[in-house]
């Protein structure tokens, strides 16, 4: 009797399980293809042993301090380091959420920042707008004082000129990083069909030639006793000539020069 009951129960369970497997294969959920992009967030990297121990204890993270090489705190909300940020412990790669740091640690975390140079501008501006051609009029002291601004403007101008020449669609995102080992370059948010390679334009020669004038002067020194010394220059001859410039929209221009042989 008990054997029969056990068989019946097993048969009933089998009948219940089979439809479950059958329906799982037919009603498998599908997820539409997502649009994958990137975001940039500030990351604070802590490698000091005493600081690691302080943070782990404050956040109540149960990790062996002696085994932790470094920790990273990611400003997920992008409003400054603090509550609800993500902590990644290395080398375990365990991830924790910052609940509520102590008042002292929260004050320290709010002081963390990154030194950056950022420029936001309209798409209507051309690369020439950013190029610091006014640097030619600055003194050496002024150039040193505005060094970061000049370098940033020059890089923006060159990069924007290259992007405009080879890619005209929108949007477009890129990332460039370089360290002692090499560099990383990424592009995303682009349409492959919108790329069109255009080589750099050739250099434009000067419209006006540069002429060097060479002259020779013979000199002699005359000494008069009990008086000053005088240097006398003798000009052997003088030659005049006319240099013809390339034609201009108006009449032809002439520059009259004097050469001293």
C-alpha atoms as a PDB file:
ATOM      1  CA  UNK A   1       0.000   0.000   0.000  1.00  0.00           C
ATOM      2  CA  UNK A   2       2.773   2.391   0.897  1.00  0.00           C
ATOM      3  CA  UNK A   3       4.662   1.446  -2.262  1.00  0.00           C
ATOM      4  CA  UNK A   4       1.634   2.206  -4.364  1.00  0.00           C
ATOM      5  CA  UNK A   5       1.181   5.572  -2.728  1.00  0.00           C
ATOM      6  CA  UNK A   6       4.812   6.477  -3.328  1.00  0.00           C
ATOM      7  CA  UNK A   7       4.513   5.580  -7.021  1.00  0.00           C
ATOM      8  CA  UNK A   8       1.378   7.638  -7.398  1.00  0.00           C
ATOM      9  CA  UNK A   9       2.961  10.616  -5.732  1.00  0.00           C
ATOM     10  CA  UNK A  10       6.024  10.331  -7.981  1.00  0.00           C
ATOM     11  CA  UNK A  11       3.811  10.103 -11.062  1.00  0.00           C
ATOM     12  CA  UNK A  12       1.918  13.187  -9.945  1.00  0.00           C
ATOM     13  CA  UNK A  13       5.141  15.132  -9.428  1.00  0.00           C
ATOM     14  CA  UNK A  14       6.409  14.022 -12.832  1.00  0.00           C
ATOM     15  CA  UNK A  15       3.195  15.227 -14.488  1.00  0.00           C
ATOM     16  CA  UNK A  16       3.615  18.605 -12.761  1.00  0.00           C
ATOM     17  CA  UNK A  17       7.278  18.980 -13.750  1.00  0.00           C
ATOM     18  CA  UNK A  18       6.929  18.089 -17.439  1.00  0.00           C
ATOM     19  CA  UNK A  19       4.527  20.953 -18.303  1.00  0.00           C
ATOM     20  CA  UNK A  20       6.829  23.330 -16.475  1.00  0.00           C
ATOM     21  CA  UNK A  21       9.778  22.399 -18.702  1.00  0.00           C
ATOM     22  CA  UNK A  22       7.571  22.525 -21.766  1.00  0.00           C
ATOM     23  CA  UNK A  23       6.242  25.998 -21.012  1.00  0.00           C
ATOM     24  CA  UNK A  24       9.730  27.279 -20.147  1.00  0.00           C
ATOM     25  CA  UNK A  25      10.950  26.456 -23.631  1.00  0.00           C
ATOM     26  CA  UNK A  26       7.964  28.078 -25.340  1.00  0.00           C
ATOM     27  CA  UNK A  27       7.655  31.290 -23.289  1.00  0.00           C
ATOM     28  CA  UNK A  28      11.358  32.194 -23.004  1.00  0.00           C
ATOM     29  CA  UNK A  29      11.597  35.946 -22.394  1.00  0.00           C
ATOM     30  CA  UNK A  30      13.444  38.071 -24.924  1.00  0.00           C
ATOM     31  CA  UNK A  31      15.235  41.376 -24.406  1.00  0.00           C
ATOM     32  CA  UNK A  32      15.504  43.944 -27.151  1.00  0.00           C
ATOM     33  CA  UNK A  33      19.016  44.883 -28.231  1.00  0.00           C
ATOM     34  CA  UNK A  34      20.110  47.731 -25.910  1.00  0.00           C
ATOM     35  CA  UNK A  35      22.018  50.820 -26.940  1.00  0.00           C
ATOM     36  CA  UNK A  36      25.391  50.441 -25.244  1.00  0.00           C
ATOM     37  CA  UNK A  37      27.361  53.581 -24.483  1.00  0.00           C
ATOM     38  CA  UNK A  38      29.827  54.814 -21.864  1.00  0.00           C
ATOM     39  CA  UNK A  39      29.746  57.196 -18.933  1.00  0.00           C
ATOM     40  CA  UNK A  40      32.626  58.863 -17.155  1.00  0.00           C
ATOM     41  CA  UNK A  41      32.704  59.015 -13.381  1.00  0.00           C
ATOM     42  CA  UNK A  42      35.357  60.093 -10.895  1.00  0.00           C
ATOM     43  CA  UNK A  43      37.166  57.239  -9.143  1.00  0.00           C
ATOM     44  CA  UNK A  44      39.182  57.728  -5.966  1.00  0.00           C
ATOM     45  CA  UNK A  45      41.961  55.144  -5.620  1.00  0.00           C
ATOM     46  CA  UNK A  46      43.283  54.524  -2.095  1.00  0.00           C
ATOM     47  CA  UNK A  47      46.503  52.550  -1.624  1.00  0.00           C
ATOM     48  CA  UNK A  48      47.719  53.831   1.745  1.00  0.00           C
ATOM     49  CA  UNK A  49      47.436  51.021   4.305  1.00  0.00           C
ATOM     50  CA  UNK A  50      46.212  53.200   7.172  1.00  0.00           C
ATOM     51  CA  UNK A  51      43.613  54.889   4.944  1.00  0.00           C
ATOM     52  CA  UNK A  52      42.363  51.531   3.658  1.00  0.00           C
ATOM     53  CA  UNK A  53      41.873  50.272   7.211  1.00  0.00           C
ATOM     54  CA  UNK A  54      40.078  53.471   8.214  1.00  0.00           C
ATOM     55  CA  UNK A  55      37.658  53.304   5.279  1.00  0.00           C
ATOM     56  CA  UNK A  56      36.920  49.600   5.624  1.00  0.00           C
ATOM     57  CA  UNK A  57      36.142  50.012   9.320  1.00  0.00           C
ATOM     58  CA  UNK A  58      34.007  53.104   8.729  1.00  0.00           C
ATOM     59  CA  UNK A  59      31.985  51.388   5.977  1.00  0.00           C
ATOM     60  CA  UNK A  60      31.732  48.151   8.021  1.00  0.00           C
ATOM     61  CA  UNK A  61      33.293  46.138   5.177  1.00  0.00           C
ATOM     62  CA  UNK A  62      34.347  42.683   6.342  1.00  0.00           C
ATOM     63  CA  UNK A  63      37.613  42.308   4.435  1.00  0.00           C
ATOM     64  CA  UNK A  64      41.026  41.221   5.682  1.00  0.00           C
ATOM     65  CA  UNK A  65      42.975  44.478   5.657  1.00  0.00           C
ATOM     66  CA  UNK A  66      46.279  42.648   5.201  1.00  0.00           C
ATOM     67  CA  UNK A  67      44.984  41.082   1.973  1.00  0.00           C
ATOM     68  CA  UNK A  68      43.658  44.303   0.438  1.00  0.00           C
ATOM     69  CA  UNK A  69      45.996  45.933  -2.094  1.00  0.00           C
ATOM     70  CA  UNK A  70      43.842  48.949  -2.860  1.00  0.00           C
ATOM     71  CA  UNK A  71      40.244  50.115  -2.896  1.00  0.00           C
ATOM     72  CA  UNK A  72      38.382  52.250  -5.408  1.00  0.00           C
ATOM     73  CA  UNK A  73      35.444  54.493  -4.584  1.00  0.00           C
ATOM     74  CA  UNK A  74      33.308  55.389  -7.611  1.00  0.00           C
ATOM     75  CA  UNK A  75      31.207  58.551  -7.592  1.00  0.00           C
ATOM     76  CA  UNK A  76      28.214  56.895  -9.255  1.00  0.00           C
ATOM     77  CA  UNK A  77      25.800  59.796  -8.769  1.00  0.00           C
ATOM     78  CA  UNK A  78      28.392  62.261 -10.146  1.00  0.00           C
ATOM     79  CA  UNK A  79      27.618  64.763  -7.370  1.00  0.00           C
ATOM     80  CA  UNK A  80      30.717  64.225  -5.268  1.00  0.00           C
ATOM     81  CA  UNK A  81      31.990  61.354  -3.134  1.00  0.00           C
ATOM     82  CA  UNK A  82      29.742  60.252  -0.301  1.00  0.00           C
ATOM     83  CA  UNK A  83      26.594  58.261   0.339  1.00  0.00           C
ATOM     84  CA  UNK A  84      25.440  55.626  -2.213  1.00  0.00           C
ATOM     85  CA  UNK A  85      28.821  55.459  -3.941  1.00  0.00           C
ATOM     86  CA  UNK A  86      30.330  52.112  -4.943  1.00  0.00           C
ATOM     87  CA  UNK A  87      33.410  50.617  -3.277  1.00  0.00           C
ATOM     88  CA  UNK A  88      35.492  48.031  -5.148  1.00  0.00           C
ATOM     89  CA  UNK A  89      38.074  46.065  -3.159  1.00  0.00           C
ATOM     90  CA  UNK A  90      41.171  44.616  -4.855  1.00  0.00           C
ATOM     91  CA  UNK A  91      42.220  41.922  -5.514  1.00  0.00           C
ATOM     92  CA  UNK A  92      38.995  40.238  -4.349  1.00  0.00           C
ATOM     93  CA  UNK A  93      36.880  42.496  -6.651  1.00  0.00           C
ATOM     94  CA  UNK A  94      34.107  42.501  -4.074  1.00  0.00           C
ATOM     95  CA  UNK A  95      31.682  45.392  -4.515  1.00  0.00           C
ATOM     96  CA  UNK A  96      29.964  47.308  -1.708  1.00  0.00           C
ATOM     97  CA  UNK A  97      27.575  50.248  -1.476  1.00  0.00           C
ATOM     98  CA  UNK A  98      28.486  53.182   0.758  1.00  0.00           C
ATOM     99  CA  UNK A  99      25.589  53.454   3.214  1.00  0.00           C
ATOM    100  CA  UNK A 100      26.443  56.406   5.419  1.00  0.00           C
ATOM    101  CA  UNK A 101      30.037  57.405   6.177  1.00  0.00           C
ATOM    102  CA  UNK A 102      30.859  58.995   9.479  1.00  0.00           C
ATOM    103  CA  UNK A 103      30.828  62.777   9.692  1.00  0.00           C
ATOM    104  CA  UNK A 104      34.635  62.950   9.779  1.00  0.00           C
ATOM    105  CA  UNK A 105      35.081  60.650   6.768  1.00  0.00           C
ATOM    106  CA  UNK A 106      32.265  62.336   4.836  1.00  0.00           C
ATOM    107  CA  UNK A 107      34.067  65.664   5.256  1.00  0.00           C
ATOM    108  CA  UNK A 108      37.278  64.129   3.906  1.00  0.00           C
ATOM    109  CA  UNK A 109      35.516  62.555   0.929  1.00  0.00           C
ATOM    110  CA  UNK A 110      33.868  65.844  -0.038  1.00  0.00           C
ATOM    111  CA  UNK A 111      37.328  67.364  -0.431  1.00  0.00           C
ATOM    112  CA  UNK A 112      38.358  64.809  -3.055  1.00  0.00           C
ATOM    113  CA  UNK A 113      38.502  66.207  -6.563  1.00  0.00           C
ATOM    114  CA  UNK A 114      40.191  65.878  -9.927  1.00  0.00           C
ATOM    115  CA  UNK A 115      42.330  68.412 -11.752  1.00  0.00           C
ATOM    116  CA  UNK A 116      40.765  68.805 -15.173  1.00  0.00           C
ATOM    117  CA  UNK A 117      40.492  71.253 -18.030  1.00  0.00           C
ATOM    118  CA  UNK A 118      37.051  71.190 -19.605  1.00  0.00           C
ATOM    119  CA  UNK A 119      35.578  73.236 -22.424  1.00  0.00           C
ATOM    120  CA  UNK A 120      31.944  73.159 -23.557  1.00  0.00           C
ATOM    121  CA  UNK A 121      31.122  75.031 -26.744  1.00  0.00           C
ATOM    122  CA  UNK A 122      28.636  75.264 -29.584  1.00  0.00           C
ATOM    123  CA  UNK A 123      28.899  73.186 -32.757  1.00  0.00           C
ATOM    124  CA  UNK A 124      28.713  76.422 -34.725  1.00  0.00           C
ATOM    125  CA  UNK A 125      32.260  77.367 -33.726  1.00  0.00           C
ATOM    126  CA  UNK A 126      35.035  76.500 -36.164  1.00  0.00           C
ATOM    127  CA  UNK A 127      38.441  75.024 -35.267  1.00  0.00           C
ATOM    128  CA  UNK A 128      40.083  78.376 -36.025  1.00  0.00           C
ATOM    129  CA  UNK A 129      38.017  79.936 -33.245  1.00  0.00           C
ATOM    130  CA  UNK A 130      39.904  77.884 -30.654  1.00  0.00           C
ATOM    131  CA  UNK A 131      43.410  78.126 -32.105  1.00  0.00           C
ATOM    132  CA  UNK A 132      45.406  80.604 -29.970  1.00  0.00           C
ATOM    133  CA  UNK A 133      46.897  82.689 -32.804  1.00  0.00           C
ATOM    134  CA  UNK A 134      46.982  85.622 -30.382  1.00  0.00           C
ATOM    135  CA  UNK A 135      49.894  83.866 -28.653  1.00  0.00           C
ATOM    136  CA  UNK A 136      52.215  85.516 -31.193  1.00  0.00           C
ATOM    137  CA  UNK A 137      51.551  88.851 -29.504  1.00  0.00           C
ATOM    138  CA  UNK A 138      52.182  87.610 -25.947  1.00  0.00           C
ATOM    139  CA  UNK A 139      55.402  88.011 -24.039  1.00  0.00           C
ATOM    140  CA  UNK A 140      57.257  85.019 -22.625  1.00  0.00           C
ATOM    141  CA  UNK A 141      55.900  85.806 -19.178  1.00  0.00           C
ATOM    142  CA  UNK A 142      52.307  85.993 -20.451  1.00  0.00           C
ATOM    143  CA  UNK A 143      52.723  82.699 -22.314  1.00  0.00           C
ATOM    144  CA  UNK A 144      53.934  80.977 -19.143  1.00  0.00           C
ATOM    145  CA  UNK A 145      50.997  82.373 -17.174  1.00  0.00           C
ATOM    146  CA  UNK A 146      48.470  81.147 -19.778  1.00  0.00           C
ATOM    147  CA  UNK A 147      50.269  77.918 -20.692  1.00  0.00           C
ATOM    148  CA  UNK A 148      47.391  75.550 -19.837  1.00  0.00           C
ATOM    149  CA  UNK A 149      44.825  77.648 -21.688  1.00  0.00           C
ATOM    150  CA  UNK A 150      47.024  77.871 -24.804  1.00  0.00           C
ATOM    151  CA  UNK A 151      47.776  74.141 -24.881  1.00  0.00           C
ATOM    152  CA  UNK A 152      44.132  73.174 -24.353  1.00  0.00           C
ATOM    153  CA  UNK A 153      42.928  75.534 -27.083  1.00  0.00           C
ATOM    154  CA  UNK A 154      45.530  74.250 -29.532  1.00  0.00           C
ATOM    155  CA  UNK A 155      44.620  70.590 -28.908  1.00  0.00           C
ATOM    156  CA  UNK A 156      40.894  71.330 -29.249  1.00  0.00           C
ATOM    157  CA  UNK A 157      41.481  73.186 -32.517  1.00  0.00           C
ATOM    158  CA  UNK A 158      43.581  70.417 -34.091  1.00  0.00           C
ATOM    159  CA  UNK A 159      41.252  67.646 -32.908  1.00  0.00           C
ATOM    160  CA  UNK A 160      38.104  69.449 -34.032  1.00  0.00           C
ATOM    161  CA  UNK A 161      39.636  70.188 -37.428  1.00  0.00           C
ATOM    162  CA  UNK A 162      40.432  66.493 -37.948  1.00  0.00           C
ATOM    163  CA  UNK A 163      36.984  65.317 -36.804  1.00  0.00           C
ATOM    164  CA  UNK A 164      35.197  67.843 -39.027  1.00  0.00           C
ATOM    165  CA  UNK A 165      37.274  66.788 -42.023  1.00  0.00           C
ATOM    166  CA  UNK A 166      36.680  63.033 -41.644  1.00  0.00           C
ATOM    167  CA  UNK A 167      33.271  62.748 -39.938  1.00  0.00           C
ATOM    168  CA  UNK A 168      30.334  65.111 -40.362  1.00  0.00           C
ATOM    169  CA  UNK A 169      27.477  63.230 -38.675  1.00  0.00           C
ATOM    170  CA  UNK A 170      26.246  63.497 -35.081  1.00  0.00           C
ATOM    171  CA  UNK A 171      26.636  62.267 -32.376  1.00  0.00           C
ATOM    172  CA  UNK A 172      30.269  61.293 -32.005  1.00  0.00           C
ATOM    173  CA  UNK A 173      32.213  60.318 -28.862  1.00  0.00           C
ATOM    174  CA  UNK A 174      35.854  59.546 -28.304  1.00  0.00           C
ATOM    175  CA  UNK A 175      38.322  58.876 -25.498  1.00  0.00           C
ATOM    176  CA  UNK A 176      42.083  59.220 -25.424  1.00  0.00           C
ATOM    177  CA  UNK A 177      44.337  58.236 -22.546  1.00  0.00           C
ATOM    178  CA  UNK A 178      48.125  57.940 -22.421  1.00  0.00           C
ATOM    179  CA  UNK A 179      50.507  56.773 -19.726  1.00  0.00           C
ATOM    180  CA  UNK A 180      54.089  55.487 -19.505  1.00  0.00           C
ATOM    181  CA  UNK A 181      53.190  52.184 -21.169  1.00  0.00           C
ATOM    182  CA  UNK A 182      51.185  53.457 -24.141  1.00  0.00           C
ATOM    183  CA  UNK A 183      47.865  55.011 -25.043  1.00  0.00           C
ATOM    184  CA  UNK A 184      44.214  54.041 -25.416  1.00  0.00           C
ATOM    185  CA  UNK A 185      41.967  55.485 -28.123  1.00  0.00           C
ATOM    186  CA  UNK A 186      38.243  54.729 -28.396  1.00  0.00           C
ATOM    187  CA  UNK A 187      35.416  55.966 -30.620  1.00  0.00           C
ATOM    188  CA  UNK A 188      31.731  55.206 -30.155  1.00  0.00           C
ATOM    189  CA  UNK A 189      28.265  56.652 -30.840  1.00  0.00           C
ATOM    190  CA  UNK A 190      29.015  56.938 -34.536  1.00  0.00           C
ATOM    191  CA  UNK A 191      27.613  55.858 -37.900  1.00  0.00           C
ATOM    192  CA  UNK A 192      30.131  53.814 -39.887  1.00  0.00           C
ATOM    193  CA  UNK A 193      28.733  55.071 -43.191  1.00  0.00           C
ATOM    194  CA  UNK A 194      29.400  58.677 -42.155  1.00  0.00           C
ATOM    195  CA  UNK A 195      33.182  58.221 -42.129  1.00  0.00           C
ATOM    196  CA  UNK A 196      34.945  59.719 -45.134  1.00  0.00           C
ATOM    197  CA  UNK A 197      38.734  59.947 -45.120  1.00  0.00           C
ATOM    198  CA  UNK A 198      40.076  63.263 -46.365  1.00  0.00           C
ATOM    199  CA  UNK A 199      43.839  63.859 -46.319  1.00  0.00           C
ATOM    200  CA  UNK A 200      45.272  66.971 -44.810  1.00  0.00           C
ATOM    201  CA  UNK A 201      45.196  69.969 -47.137  1.00  0.00           C
ATOM    202  CA  UNK A 202      48.563  70.946 -48.621  1.00  0.00           C
ATOM    203  CA  UNK A 203      50.474  73.792 -47.085  1.00  0.00           C
ATOM    204  CA  UNK A 204      49.705  77.212 -48.565  1.00  0.00           C
ATOM    205  CA  UNK A 205      52.828  79.104 -49.696  1.00  0.00           C
ATOM    206  CA  UNK A 206      53.308  82.749 -48.780  1.00  0.00           C
ATOM    207  CA  UNK A 207      51.845  85.130 -51.336  1.00  0.00           C
ATOM    208  CA  UNK A 208      54.813  87.494 -51.004  1.00  0.00           C
ATOM    209  CA  UNK A 209      58.388  86.290 -51.411  1.00  0.00           C
ATOM    210  CA  UNK A 210      61.080  87.070 -48.876  1.00  0.00           C
ATOM    211  CA  UNK A 211      64.139  88.901 -50.157  1.00  0.00           C
ATOM    212  CA  UNK A 212      67.467  89.137 -48.363  1.00  0.00           C
ATOM    213  CA  UNK A 213      69.586  92.259 -48.858  1.00  0.00           C
ATOM    214  CA  UNK A 214      73.349  91.969 -48.537  1.00  0.00           C
ATOM    215  CA  UNK A 215      75.583  94.991 -48.375  1.00  0.00           C
ATOM    216  CA  UNK A 216      79.325  95.489 -47.810  1.00  0.00           C
ATOM    217  CA  UNK A 217      80.874  98.451 -46.025  1.00  0.00           C
ATOM    218  CA  UNK A 218      84.542  99.376 -45.938  1.00  0.00           C
ATOM    219  CA  UNK A 219      85.712 101.235 -42.846  1.00  0.00           C
ATOM    220  CA  UNK A 220      88.780 102.982 -41.589  1.00  0.00           C
ATOM    221  CA  UNK A 221      89.735 104.625 -38.309  1.00  0.00           C
ATOM    222  CA  UNK A 222      91.152 108.130 -38.075  1.00  0.00           C
ATOM    223  CA  UNK A 223      93.011 109.136 -34.917  1.00  0.00           C
ATOM    224  CA  UNK A 224      93.493 112.787 -34.038  1.00  0.00           C
ATOM    225  CA  UNK A 225      95.942 113.492 -31.205  1.00  0.00           C
ATOM    226  CA  UNK A 226      94.479 114.649 -27.909  1.00  0.00           C
ATOM    227  CA  UNK A 227      90.940 114.215 -29.270  1.00  0.00           C
ATOM    228  CA  UNK A 228      88.336 111.508 -29.646  1.00  0.00           C
ATOM    229  CA  UNK A 229      88.562 108.592 -32.066  1.00  0.00           C
ATOM    230  CA  UNK A 230      86.369 108.664 -35.166  1.00  0.00           C
ATOM    231  CA  UNK A 231      85.204 105.742 -37.335  1.00  0.00           C
ATOM    232  CA  UNK A 232      84.809 106.713 -40.972  1.00  0.00           C
ATOM    233  CA  UNK A 233      82.811 104.570 -43.434  1.00  0.00           C
ATOM    234  CA  UNK A 234      83.423 104.829 -47.136  1.00  0.00           C
ATOM    235  CA  UNK A 235      80.528 103.966 -49.473  1.00  0.00           C
ATOM    236  CA  UNK A 236      81.997 102.918 -52.782  1.00  0.00           C
ATOM    237  CA  UNK A 237      78.789 103.041 -54.772  1.00  0.00           C
ATOM    238  CA  UNK A 238      75.024 102.873 -54.500  1.00  0.00           C
ATOM    239  CA  UNK A 239      72.765 100.739 -56.695  1.00  0.00           C
ATOM    240  CA  UNK A 240      69.001 101.057 -56.991  1.00  0.00           C
ATOM    241  CA  UNK A 241      66.720  98.318 -58.285  1.00  0.00           C
ATOM    242  CA  UNK A 242      62.997  97.579 -58.462  1.00  0.00           C
ATOM    243  CA  UNK A 243      61.405  94.335 -57.224  1.00  0.00           C
ATOM    244  CA  UNK A 244      58.210  93.362 -59.024  1.00  0.00           C
ATOM    245  CA  UNK A 245      55.588  91.756 -56.757  1.00  0.00           C
ATOM    246  CA  UNK A 246      52.963  89.256 -57.989  1.00  0.00           C
ATOM    247  CA  UNK A 247      49.964  90.938 -59.593  1.00  0.00           C
ATOM    248  CA  UNK A 248      47.283  92.136 -57.212  1.00  0.00           C
ATOM    249  CA  UNK A 249      43.600  92.875 -57.860  1.00  0.00           C
ATOM    250  CA  UNK A 250      44.551  96.542 -58.102  1.00  0.00           C
ATOM    251  CA  UNK A 251      47.512  97.972 -60.036  1.00  0.00           C
ATOM    252  CA  UNK A 252      50.911  96.331 -59.846  1.00  0.00           C
ATOM    253  CA  UNK A 253      52.803  97.320 -56.721  1.00  0.00           C
ATOM    254  CA  UNK A 254      56.462  98.218 -56.627  1.00  0.00           C
ATOM    255  CA  UNK A 255      58.950  98.363 -53.809  1.00  0.00           C
ATOM    256  CA  UNK A 256      61.945 100.607 -54.409  1.00  0.00           C
ATOM    257  CA  UNK A 257      65.048  99.505 -52.566  1.00  0.00           C
ATOM    258  CA  UNK A 258      68.600 100.642 -52.218  1.00  0.00           C
ATOM    259  CA  UNK A 259      71.480  98.181 -52.135  1.00  0.00           C
ATOM    260  CA  UNK A 260      74.862  99.072 -50.734  1.00  0.00           C
ATOM    261  CA  UNK A 261      77.476  96.747 -52.237  1.00  0.00           C
END
